[in-house]
C-alpha atoms as a PDB file:
ATOM      1  CA  MET A   1       8.124  11.836 -16.003  1.00  0.00           C
ATOM      2  CA  ALA A   2       9.930   9.485 -13.647  1.00  0.00           C
ATOM      3  CA  ASP A   3       8.990   5.849 -14.539  1.00  0.00           C
ATOM      4  CA  LEU A   4       6.369   3.828 -12.745  1.00  0.00           C
ATOM      5  CA  VAL A   5       6.997   1.868 -10.641  1.00  0.00           C
ATOM      6  CA  ASN A   6       5.949  -2.228 -10.532  1.00  0.00           C
ATOM      7  CA  LEU A   7       4.307  -3.903  -8.209  1.00  0.00           C
ATOM      8  CA  MET A   8       1.438  -6.139  -7.383  1.00  0.00           C
ATOM      9  CA  ILE A   9      -1.193  -5.812  -5.247  1.00  0.00           C
ATOM     10  CA  ASP A  10      -3.770  -8.924  -4.256  1.00  0.00           C
ATOM     11  CA  GLY A  11      -2.203 -10.784  -7.756  1.00  0.00           C
ATOM     12  CA  ARG A  12      -2.878  -8.003  -9.816  1.00  0.00           C
ATOM     13  CA  ALA A  13      -0.324  -6.093 -11.569  1.00  0.00           C
ATOM     14  CA  ILE A  14      -0.448  -2.238 -10.643  1.00  0.00           C
ATOM     15  CA  GLN A  15       1.892   0.715 -11.380  1.00  0.00           C
ATOM     16  CA  ALA A  16       2.826   3.884  -9.891  1.00  0.00           C
ATOM     17  CA  PRO A  17       4.833   6.448  -9.888  1.00  0.00           C
ATOM     18  CA  PRO A  18       7.398   7.033  -7.524  1.00  0.00           C
ATOM     19  CA  GLY A  19       6.886   8.269  -3.488  1.00  0.00           C
ATOM     20  CA  MET A  20       3.093   7.270  -4.048  1.00  0.00           C
ATOM     21  CA  LEU A  21       1.846   5.095  -0.495  1.00  0.00           C
ATOM     22  CA  VAL A  22       0.285   1.945  -1.150  1.00  0.00           C
ATOM     23  CA  ILE A  23      -2.986   2.435   0.598  1.00  0.00           C
ATOM     24  CA  ASP A  24      -3.625   5.402  -2.890  1.00  0.00           C
ATOM     25  CA  ALA A  25      -2.133   3.005  -5.363  1.00  0.00           C
ATOM     26  CA  ALA A  26      -4.734   0.688  -4.128  1.00  0.00           C
ATOM     27  CA  LYS A  27      -7.104   2.908  -4.483  1.00  0.00           C
ATOM     28  CA  HIS A  28      -6.344   4.364  -7.521  1.00  0.00           C
ATOM     29  CA  SER A  29      -6.367   0.668  -9.162  1.00  0.00           C
ATOM     30  CA  GLY A  30     -10.094  -0.199  -7.372  1.00  0.00           C
ATOM     31  CA  ILE A  31      -8.593  -2.131  -4.554  1.00  0.00           C
ATOM     32  CA  GLU A  32      -9.901  -0.972  -0.967  1.00  0.00           C
ATOM     33  CA  VAL A  33      -7.932  -0.708   2.063  1.00  0.00           C
ATOM     34  CA  PRO A  34      -9.484  -0.175   4.605  1.00  0.00           C
ATOM     35  CA  ALA A  35      -8.507   3.239   6.829  1.00  0.00           C
ATOM     36  CA  PHE A  36      -9.477   5.288   9.623  1.00  0.00           C
ATOM     37  CA  CYS A  37      -6.467   8.064  10.393  1.00  0.00           C
ATOM     38  CA  TYR A  38      -5.241   8.527   6.407  1.00  0.00           C
ATOM     39  CA  TYR A  39      -6.582  11.989   4.863  1.00  0.00           C
ATOM     40  CA  GLU A  40      -5.133  11.838   1.682  1.00  0.00           C
ATOM     41  CA  GLY A  41      -3.034  15.617   2.318  1.00  0.00           C
ATOM     42  CA  LEU A  42      -3.034  15.411   5.386  1.00  0.00           C
ATOM     43  CA  THR A  43       0.204  14.725   8.144  1.00  0.00           C
ATOM     44  CA  LEU A  44       0.601  10.713   8.103  1.00  0.00           C
ATOM     45  CA  GLN A  45      -0.630   9.457  11.825  1.00  0.00           C
ATOM     46  CA  ALA A  46      -0.629   5.405  11.426  1.00  0.00           C
ATOM     47  CA  ALA A  47      -2.147   5.338  14.337  1.00  0.00           C
ATOM     48  CA  CYS A  48      -5.312   3.273  14.092  1.00  0.00           C
ATOM     49  CA  ARG A  49      -3.437   0.155  11.873  1.00  0.00           C
ATOM     50  CA  MET A  50      -6.645  -1.002   9.934  1.00  0.00           C
ATOM     51  CA  CYS A  51      -4.823  -0.742   6.613  1.00  0.00           C
ATOM     52  CA  LEU A  52      -2.252  -3.221   7.440  1.00  0.00           C
ATOM     53  CA  VAL A  53      -0.907  -5.001   4.829  1.00  0.00           C
ATOM     54  CA  GLU A  54       1.635  -8.219   4.284  1.00  0.00           C
ATOM     55  CA  VAL A  55       4.574  -7.274   2.400  1.00  0.00           C
ATOM     56  CA  GLU A  56       6.378  -9.967   0.513  1.00  0.00           C
ATOM     57  CA  LYS A  57       9.596 -10.610   2.285  1.00  0.00           C
ATOM     58  CA  MET A  58       8.728  -8.291   5.228  1.00  0.00           C
ATOM     59  CA  PRO A  59       9.217 -10.030   8.878  1.00  0.00           C
ATOM     60  CA  LYS A  60       5.851  -8.426   9.998  1.00  0.00           C
ATOM     61  CA  LEU A  61       2.439  -6.219   8.954  1.00  0.00           C
ATOM     62  CA  MET A  62       2.900  -2.636   7.895  1.00  0.00           C
ATOM     63  CA  THR A  63       1.139   0.519   7.467  1.00  0.00           C
ATOM     64  CA  ALA A  64      -0.014   0.864   3.769  1.00  0.00           C
ATOM     65  CA  CYS A  65      -0.595   4.682   4.794  1.00  0.00           C
ATOM     66  CA  THR A  66       3.452   5.144   5.489  1.00  0.00           C
ATOM     67  CA  LEU A  67       4.508   2.674   3.070  1.00  0.00           C
ATOM     68  CA  PRO A  68       5.682   3.839  -0.251  1.00  0.00           C
ATOM     69  CA  VAL A  69       5.681   1.909  -3.952  1.00  0.00           C
ATOM     70  CA  ALA A  70       9.156   0.138  -4.924  1.00  0.00           C
ATOM     71  CA  GLU A  71      10.224  -1.831  -7.788  1.00  0.00           C
ATOM     72  CA  GLY A  72       8.990  -5.126  -7.743  1.00  0.00           C
ATOM     73  CA  MET A  73       7.037  -5.395  -4.093  1.00  0.00           C
ATOM     74  CA  VAL A  74       4.254  -7.970  -3.801  1.00  0.00           C
ATOM     75  CA  VAL A  75       1.309  -6.561  -1.167  1.00  0.00           C
ATOM     76  CA  ARG A  76      -1.749  -8.744  -0.349  1.00  0.00           C
ATOM     77  CA  THR A  77      -4.897  -7.023   1.250  1.00  0.00           C
ATOM     78  CA  GLU A  78      -6.709  -9.968   2.809  1.00  0.00           C
ATOM     79  CA  THR A  79      -4.577 -12.783   4.322  1.00  0.00           C
ATOM     80  CA  PRO A  80      -5.574 -14.421   7.658  1.00  0.00           C
ATOM     81  CA  GLN A  81      -2.214 -12.817   8.929  1.00  0.00           C
ATOM     82  CA  VAL A  82      -4.019  -9.217   7.983  1.00  0.00           C
END
């Protein structure tokens, strides 16, 4: 099995398999990220923009439904910008 990726979501240390989407990693950790157009297993749309999250060192908000986890990533789901 591949090594797990270590990241932070809303101040909580999370481990997820490489390639897992941020929205799924959050959900598996009990953190709800709202989304209208995301359904696990279906083609990614990122059309509704409901799952926007703030990611440290990224210049703009990102869609959690299309963003794979990365080592050391710091994600915030509840900020004034979000």
